[in-house]
Every structure is written in structure tokens, then in C-alpha cells.
Protein backbone atom coordinates (compact mmCIF):
# COMPACT_ATOMS: atom_id res chain seq x y z
CA MET A 1 0.00 0.00 0.00
CA ALA A 2 1.05 3.59 -0.60
CA ASN A 3 2.86 5.62 2.03
CA VAL A 4 0.44 8.30 3.28
CA GLU A 5 3.22 10.83 3.89
CA HIS A 6 4.52 10.42 0.34
CA LEU A 7 1.04 10.92 -1.08
CA GLU A 8 0.49 14.07 0.96
CA VAL A 9 3.77 15.60 -0.22
CA ILE A 10 3.38 14.83 -3.91
CA ARG A 11 -0.14 16.24 -3.95
CA GLN A 12 1.32 19.58 -2.89
CA GLY A 13 3.07 19.88 -6.26
CA VAL A 14 6.26 18.99 -8.05
CA TYR A 15 8.37 21.77 -6.55
CA LEU A 16 7.74 20.69 -2.95
CA TRP A 17 7.99 17.02 -3.89
CA ASN A 18 11.39 17.40 -5.54
CA ARG A 19 12.58 19.44 -2.58
CA TRP A 20 11.44 16.69 -0.22
CA ARG A 21 13.30 14.11 -2.31
CA SER A 22 16.50 16.13 -2.13
CA THR A 23 16.29 16.27 1.67
CA HIS A 24 15.31 12.58 2.02
CA PRO A 25 17.61 10.87 -0.50
CA GLN A 26 17.52 7.51 1.30
CA LYS A 27 13.74 7.16 1.29
CA ARG A 28 12.18 5.13 -1.53
CA PRO A 29 8.84 6.64 -2.56
CA ASN A 30 5.98 4.20 -2.24
CA PHE A 31 2.76 4.91 -4.14
CA SER A 32 1.74 1.30 -4.73
CA GLU A 33 -1.95 0.85 -5.56
CA ALA A 34 -2.64 4.58 -5.21
CA GLU A 35 -4.85 6.60 -7.55
CA LEU A 36 -3.21 9.76 -8.84
CA HIS A 37 -5.90 11.62 -10.75
CA GLN A 38 -5.19 14.82 -12.65
CA THR A 39 -1.83 15.18 -10.93
CA TYR A 40 0.73 17.50 -12.55
CA LEU A 41 4.04 15.63 -12.35
CA VAL A 42 6.05 17.35 -15.06
CA GLY A 43 9.74 16.98 -14.14
CA ALA A 44 8.97 15.05 -10.95
CA ASN A 45 11.80 13.07 -9.36
CA LEU A 46 10.38 9.55 -9.13
CA THR A 47 13.65 7.64 -9.30
CA GLY A 48 13.36 4.21 -7.72
CA ALA A 49 9.72 4.82 -6.82
CA ASN A 50 7.36 1.92 -6.13
CA LEU A 51 4.49 2.60 -8.53
CA GLN A 52 3.12 -0.93 -8.74
CA ARG A 53 -0.55 -1.04 -9.71
CA VAL A 54 -0.82 2.76 -9.48
CA THR A 55 -3.57 4.33 -11.57
CA PHE A 56 -2.51 7.57 -13.25
CA TYR A 57 -5.53 9.27 -14.76
CA ASP A 58 -5.06 12.51 -16.70
CA THR A 59 -1.59 12.76 -15.16
CA ASP A 60 1.21 14.56 -17.00
CA LEU A 61 4.53 12.75 -16.49
CA SER A 62 6.47 14.53 -19.22
CA ARG A 63 10.16 15.02 -18.32
CA ALA A 64 9.64 12.99 -15.12
CA ASN A 65 12.62 11.03 -13.84
CA LEU A 66 11.51 7.41 -13.47
CA VAL A 67 14.92 5.72 -13.48
CA ASN A 68 14.68 2.31 -11.77
CA ALA A 69 11.02 2.91 -10.95
CA ASN A 70 8.70 -0.08 -10.64
CA LEU A 71 5.51 0.46 -12.64
CA GLU A 72 4.48 -3.18 -12.85
CA GLU A 73 0.76 -3.42 -13.66
CA ALA A 74 0.42 0.37 -13.45
CA ARG A 75 -2.38 1.98 -15.44
CA LEU A 76 -1.59 5.22 -17.25
CA ILE A 77 -4.88 6.40 -18.65
CA GLY A 78 -5.51 9.42 -20.80
CA PHE A 79 -4.12 12.89 -20.91
CA ASN A 80 -5.80 15.78 -22.61
CA LEU A 81 -3.63 15.91 -25.72
CA PRO A 82 -4.75 16.17 -29.37
CA ASP A 83 -6.32 13.19 -31.15
CA GLY A 84 -7.11 11.24 -28.01
CA VAL A 85 -3.49 10.60 -27.05
CA GLY A 86 -2.98 8.64 -23.82
CA ALA A 87 -0.58 9.18 -20.93
CA ASN A 88 2.07 11.85 -21.50
CA LEU A 89 5.57 10.47 -20.88
CA SER A 90 7.34 12.62 -23.45
CA ARG A 91 11.02 13.16 -22.58
CA ALA A 92 10.56 11.11 -19.39
CA ASN A 93 13.53 9.06 -18.20
CA LEU A 94 12.44 5.44 -17.73
CA THR A 95 15.90 3.86 -17.72
CA ASN A 96 15.70 0.36 -16.16
CA ALA A 97 12.05 0.95 -15.25
CA ASN A 98 9.80 -2.09 -14.82
CA LEU A 99 6.55 -1.70 -16.77
CA GLN A 100 5.56 -5.35 -17.02
CA ARG A 101 1.88 -5.71 -17.87
CA ALA A 102 1.43 -1.94 -17.55
CA TYR A 103 -1.47 -0.25 -19.33
CA LEU A 104 -0.07 2.40 -21.68
CA TYR A 105 -2.85 2.66 -24.26
CA LYS A 106 -1.97 5.35 -26.81
CA ALA A 107 0.86 6.55 -24.54
CA TYR A 108 2.85 9.56 -25.73
CA LEU A 109 6.50 8.52 -25.31
CA ARG A 110 8.16 10.90 -27.75
CA SER A 111 11.86 11.49 -26.99
CA ALA A 112 11.60 9.43 -23.79
CA ASN A 113 14.65 7.52 -22.53
CA LEU A 114 13.53 3.89 -22.33
CA THR A 115 16.99 2.34 -22.06
CA SER A 116 16.71 -1.21 -20.67
CA ALA A 117 13.07 -0.64 -19.67
CA ILE A 118 10.93 -3.78 -19.32
CA PHE A 119 7.59 -3.72 -21.17
CA ILE A 120 6.90 -7.47 -21.08
CA GLY A 121 3.18 -8.04 -21.61
CA ALA A 122 2.39 -4.31 -21.53
CA ASN A 123 -0.56 -2.90 -23.46
CA MET A 124 0.91 -0.16 -25.65
CA PHE A 125 -1.75 0.00 -28.34
CA GLN A 126 -0.96 2.87 -30.75
CA ALA A 127 1.79 4.21 -28.46
CA ASP A 128 4.01 6.88 -29.99
CA PHE A 129 7.77 6.21 -29.61
CA ALA A 130 9.01 8.88 -32.04
CA GLY A 131 12.54 9.93 -31.07
CA ALA A 132 12.61 7.63 -28.03
CA VAL A 133 15.83 5.89 -26.92
CA LEU A 134 15.06 2.17 -26.79
CA ASN A 135 18.47 0.55 -26.30
CA GLY A 136 18.11 -2.76 -24.47
CA ALA A 137 14.35 -2.45 -23.89
CA ASN A 138 12.27 -5.64 -23.73
CA PHE A 139 8.85 -5.77 -25.44
CA ALA A 140 8.28 -9.54 -25.30
CA GLY A 141 4.58 -10.33 -25.40
CA ALA A 142 3.60 -6.64 -25.52
CA ILE A 143 0.58 -5.33 -27.40
CA LEU A 144 1.93 -2.77 -29.87
CA GLN A 145 -0.79 -2.73 -32.48
CA GLY A 146 -0.57 0.46 -34.51
CA ALA A 147 2.40 1.74 -32.48
CA ASN A 148 4.71 4.33 -34.02
CA LEU A 149 8.30 3.08 -33.94
CA ALA A 150 9.34 4.62 -37.26
CA GLY A 151 13.04 5.33 -37.62
CA SER A 152 13.94 3.78 -34.26
CA ASN A 153 17.15 1.91 -33.49
CA LEU A 154 15.80 -1.45 -32.30
CA ARG A 155 19.01 -3.44 -32.64
CA GLY A 156 18.95 -6.59 -30.52
CA ILE A 157 15.61 -5.77 -28.84
CA SER A 158 13.17 -8.58 -28.03
CA PHE A 159 9.65 -8.44 -29.44
CA ALA A 160 9.19 -12.19 -29.02
CA GLY A 161 5.50 -13.03 -29.11
CA ALA A 162 4.54 -9.35 -29.36
CA ASP A 163 1.54 -8.10 -31.34
CA LEU A 164 2.78 -5.49 -33.85
CA GLN A 165 -0.11 -5.61 -36.29
CA ASP A 166 -0.27 -2.37 -38.29
CA ALA A 167 2.71 -0.95 -36.36
CA ASP A 168 4.98 1.55 -38.13
CA LEU A 169 8.51 0.12 -38.29
CA SER A 170 9.52 1.98 -41.43
CA GLY A 171 13.16 2.97 -41.59
CA CYS A 172 14.03 1.13 -38.36
CA ILE A 173 17.37 -0.51 -37.61
CA LEU A 174 16.39 -4.11 -36.86
CA THR A 175 19.68 -6.00 -36.88
CA GLU A 176 19.65 -8.96 -34.47
CA VAL A 177 16.13 -8.09 -33.32
CA ASN A 178 14.02 -10.92 -31.92
CA PHE A 179 10.60 -11.12 -33.59
CA SER A 180 10.15 -14.85 -32.95
CA GLY A 181 6.44 -15.69 -32.80
CA ALA A 182 5.51 -12.01 -33.23
CA ASN A 183 2.47 -10.83 -35.16
CA LEU A 184 3.66 -8.35 -37.80
CA TYR A 185 0.60 -8.62 -40.02
CA HIS A 186 0.35 -5.57 -42.25
CA ALA A 187 3.11 -3.76 -40.31
CA ASP A 188 4.92 -0.99 -42.18
CA MET A 189 8.48 -2.24 -42.71
CA THR A 190 9.30 -0.14 -45.76
CA GLY A 191 12.49 1.83 -46.27
CA ARG A 192 14.86 -1.05 -47.17
CA ILE A 193 15.27 -1.88 -43.50
CA ASN A 194 18.20 -3.79 -42.05
CA LEU A 195 17.22 -7.18 -40.58
CA VAL A 196 20.65 -8.82 -40.65
CA ASN A 197 20.76 -11.77 -38.20
CA ALA A 198 17.18 -11.06 -37.10
CA ASN A 199 15.12 -13.87 -35.56
CA LEU A 200 11.75 -14.00 -37.32
CA SER A 201 11.02 -17.67 -36.71
CA LYS A 202 7.29 -18.42 -36.66
CA ALA A 203 6.51 -14.72 -37.08
CA ASN A 204 3.41 -13.62 -38.97
CA LEU A 205 4.61 -11.41 -41.84
CA GLN A 206 1.56 -11.65 -44.06
CA GLU A 207 1.27 -8.82 -46.56
CA VAL A 208 4.34 -7.04 -45.18
CA ASP A 209 6.34 -4.93 -47.65
CA LEU A 210 10.03 -5.83 -47.26
CA THR A 211 11.12 -4.50 -50.64
CA GLY A 212 14.89 -4.04 -50.68
CA ALA A 213 15.26 -5.23 -47.08
CA ASN A 214 18.53 -6.80 -45.93
CA LEU A 215 17.69 -10.19 -44.41
CA THR A 216 21.18 -11.66 -44.59
CA ARG A 217 21.41 -14.67 -42.22
CA ALA A 218 17.91 -13.96 -40.90
CA ASN A 219 16.02 -16.85 -39.32
CA LEU A 220 12.57 -17.11 -40.91
CA GLU A 221 11.96 -20.76 -40.08
CA GLY A 222 8.23 -21.48 -39.94
CA ALA A 223 7.33 -17.85 -40.64
CA ASN A 224 4.18 -16.88 -42.54
CA LEU A 225 5.21 -14.69 -45.48
CA SER A 226 2.16 -15.30 -47.65
CA GLY A 227 1.51 -12.28 -49.82
CA ALA A 228 4.63 -10.49 -48.55
CA LYS A 229 6.75 -8.32 -50.86
CA LEU A 230 10.46 -9.18 -50.95
CA MET A 231 11.39 -7.64 -54.29
CA GLU A 232 15.12 -6.90 -54.49
CA ALA A 233 15.53 -8.10 -50.90
CA ASN A 234 18.80 -9.69 -49.80
CA LEU A 235 18.21 -13.11 -48.20
CA LEU A 236 21.80 -14.38 -48.44
CA ASP A 237 22.23 -17.38 -46.11
CA ALA A 238 18.72 -16.89 -44.72
CA ASN A 239 16.78 -19.79 -43.19
CA LEU A 240 13.26 -20.20 -44.63
CA GLN A 241 12.71 -23.82 -43.65
CA GLY A 242 9.03 -24.64 -43.33
CA ALA A 243 7.94 -21.07 -44.13
CA ASN A 244 4.66 -20.28 -45.85
CA LEU A 245 5.68 -18.45 -49.02
CA ALA A 246 2.41 -18.73 -50.93
CA GLY A 247 2.06 -15.71 -53.19
CA THR A 248 5.27 -14.13 -51.89
CA ASN A 249 6.99 -11.75 -54.31
CA PHE A 250 10.73 -12.53 -54.64
CA ILE A 251 11.29 -10.71 -57.95
CA LEU A 252 15.01 -9.80 -58.33
CA ALA A 253 15.73 -10.97 -54.75
CA ASN A 254 19.12 -12.34 -53.74
CA LEU A 255 18.38 -15.86 -52.50
CA THR A 256 21.95 -17.14 -52.58
CA ASN A 257 22.50 -20.09 -50.22
CA THR A 258 18.99 -19.66 -48.81
CA ASP A 259 17.31 -22.71 -47.26
CA PHE A 260 13.83 -23.27 -48.76
CA SER A 261 13.38 -26.84 -47.54
CA HIS A 262 9.78 -27.82 -46.66
CA THR A 263 8.43 -24.44 -47.81
CA ASN A 264 5.19 -23.65 -49.63
CA LEU A 265 6.02 -21.64 -52.76
CA LEU A 266 2.57 -21.88 -54.35
CA ASP A 267 2.01 -18.86 -56.63
CA ALA A 268 5.26 -17.24 -55.44
CA ARG A 269 6.76 -14.75 -57.92
CA LEU A 270 10.39 -15.63 -58.57
CA ALA A 271 11.35 -13.82 -61.80
CA GLY A 272 14.96 -12.65 -61.81
CA ALA A 273 15.72 -14.01 -58.35
CA ASP A 274 19.19 -15.47 -57.72
CA PHE A 275 18.89 -19.03 -56.33
CA SER A 276 22.63 -19.81 -56.44
CA LYS A 277 23.46 -22.63 -54.00
CA SER A 278 19.97 -22.47 -52.49
CA ILE A 279 18.30 -25.50 -50.94
CA LEU A 280 14.96 -25.86 -52.72
CA PRO A 281 11.86 -27.81 -51.63
CA GLY A 282 12.05 -31.51 -52.51
């Protein structure tokens, strides 16, 4: 349960709260299970705070410092921004924060620092990550339908089992990213993105446009690529064992040394593709 003293201080405003933190550096703020409605927390010092199962309603957390904060199962609902945007966490520092199973529907995370933050199982439907720092973050099992991740550096990040349907991943750096079992149906992956060494095993990539993408050594075993566009893509040494490639467009793709064993290539378009040293279905 929340600490009554901490609640009383923070409800007096950010200035007094930050002053209290500076004079009580050893105390860990505890707001667990509290309801913070229409609280103005712009620039608040919430480092290391226990915010488990807290409900933030119409609360502005822009520029807040949430380094090492625990927001497991927290609910961040609504903020009065244009177009029905959710919680405002723009430019907030969430380094190493725990947001497992948190509710961040339509959250506004522009330019936030999310280094090594944990979003496992979080609901981040249509969240906006434009300009956010995402190094080492973990989105395994998260709901990211329609999320804006365009242009982000997602190298090595885990989206295993995540739902990224209709998400904007255009222009992203996706080397060594883990999309195993992820739903990427109709996601925007345009911009000749880099997926070198990416794990896309058993991912749903139906109707995804990967024109010109670099999928060198990517693992696409068991993936569903039916109707996907891979024109001029580079799949050198890629693993496509058991993938569903029905209706996939491989025109002018580099398929050198690619493993197509046990794949379904029904109605696939293969004109001009380079199959040198490839392993083809038996």
C-alpha cells in the first residue's frame, strides 16, 4: 500500500515534492496501488519509486525522472492531448524501469529515454515512440498494435510473441532483433530496412512490404510470409525452412544459399531471383 506521507507531499506539487526528495535521498517513494488523478508531475523526481498497480488518470509525467522505478501493472490512462493521445511520458527518463503488464494505451512517449526498460506483456496499443531511446528495452509479449516506432534503433531488442499488427517500423534498424512468434501482419516495414541476423522464426509477416530489405542470415523458419513483398531483398544465407511463401513476391531478390526446404512456394513470384546454392523444396 502507498505511504500516506509520500502521497500528501506529492499532492502539494512537483516543486515541494522534488525538494522533499533532495532532503530525504535515502527514502524510496511508495505509491503502490494509489490513484493519482489529474496530478501534474512534469519533471517530478520519481527515481526508484514503487508505482506498482498505481492508476494515473489525466496525469502529466512529461520530463519525469523514473529511473529504476517499478511500474508493474500500473495503469496510465488518458491525458488531454490532441487526437485522443494517452498518458504523456514525453522526454521522461524510464531507464531500467519495470513496466511489465502496464497499461499504456496510446501513450505519448516521444523522446523518452527507455533504455533497458521492461515492457513485457504491456498494453501499448498505438503508443508513440518517435525519437525515443530504446536501447536494451524488452517488449516480449507486448501489445503494440498500430504503435509508431518509425526510424527507431531497435538493434537486438526482443519483441518475441509481441503483437505489432499495423505498427509503423519503417526505416528502423532491426539488426539482431528478436521477432520470434511475433504478429507483424500488415506492419509498415518499408524503407529497405536492415534485418541482418534477425530472428523472425514463426513470425506472422503476411502482406508485409520488405522491398529491398537486408535479411542476410535472418532466421525465418516457420514464418508466414504469404503475400509479402520481398522484391530486391537480400536473403543471403537466410533460413526459410518450413515457411509459408504462398504468393510471396521474390522478384530480383538475392536468395543465394537460402534454405527453402519444406516451404510452400505456391504462386510465389520468382522472376529474376538469384537461387545460387539455395536449398529448394524436394
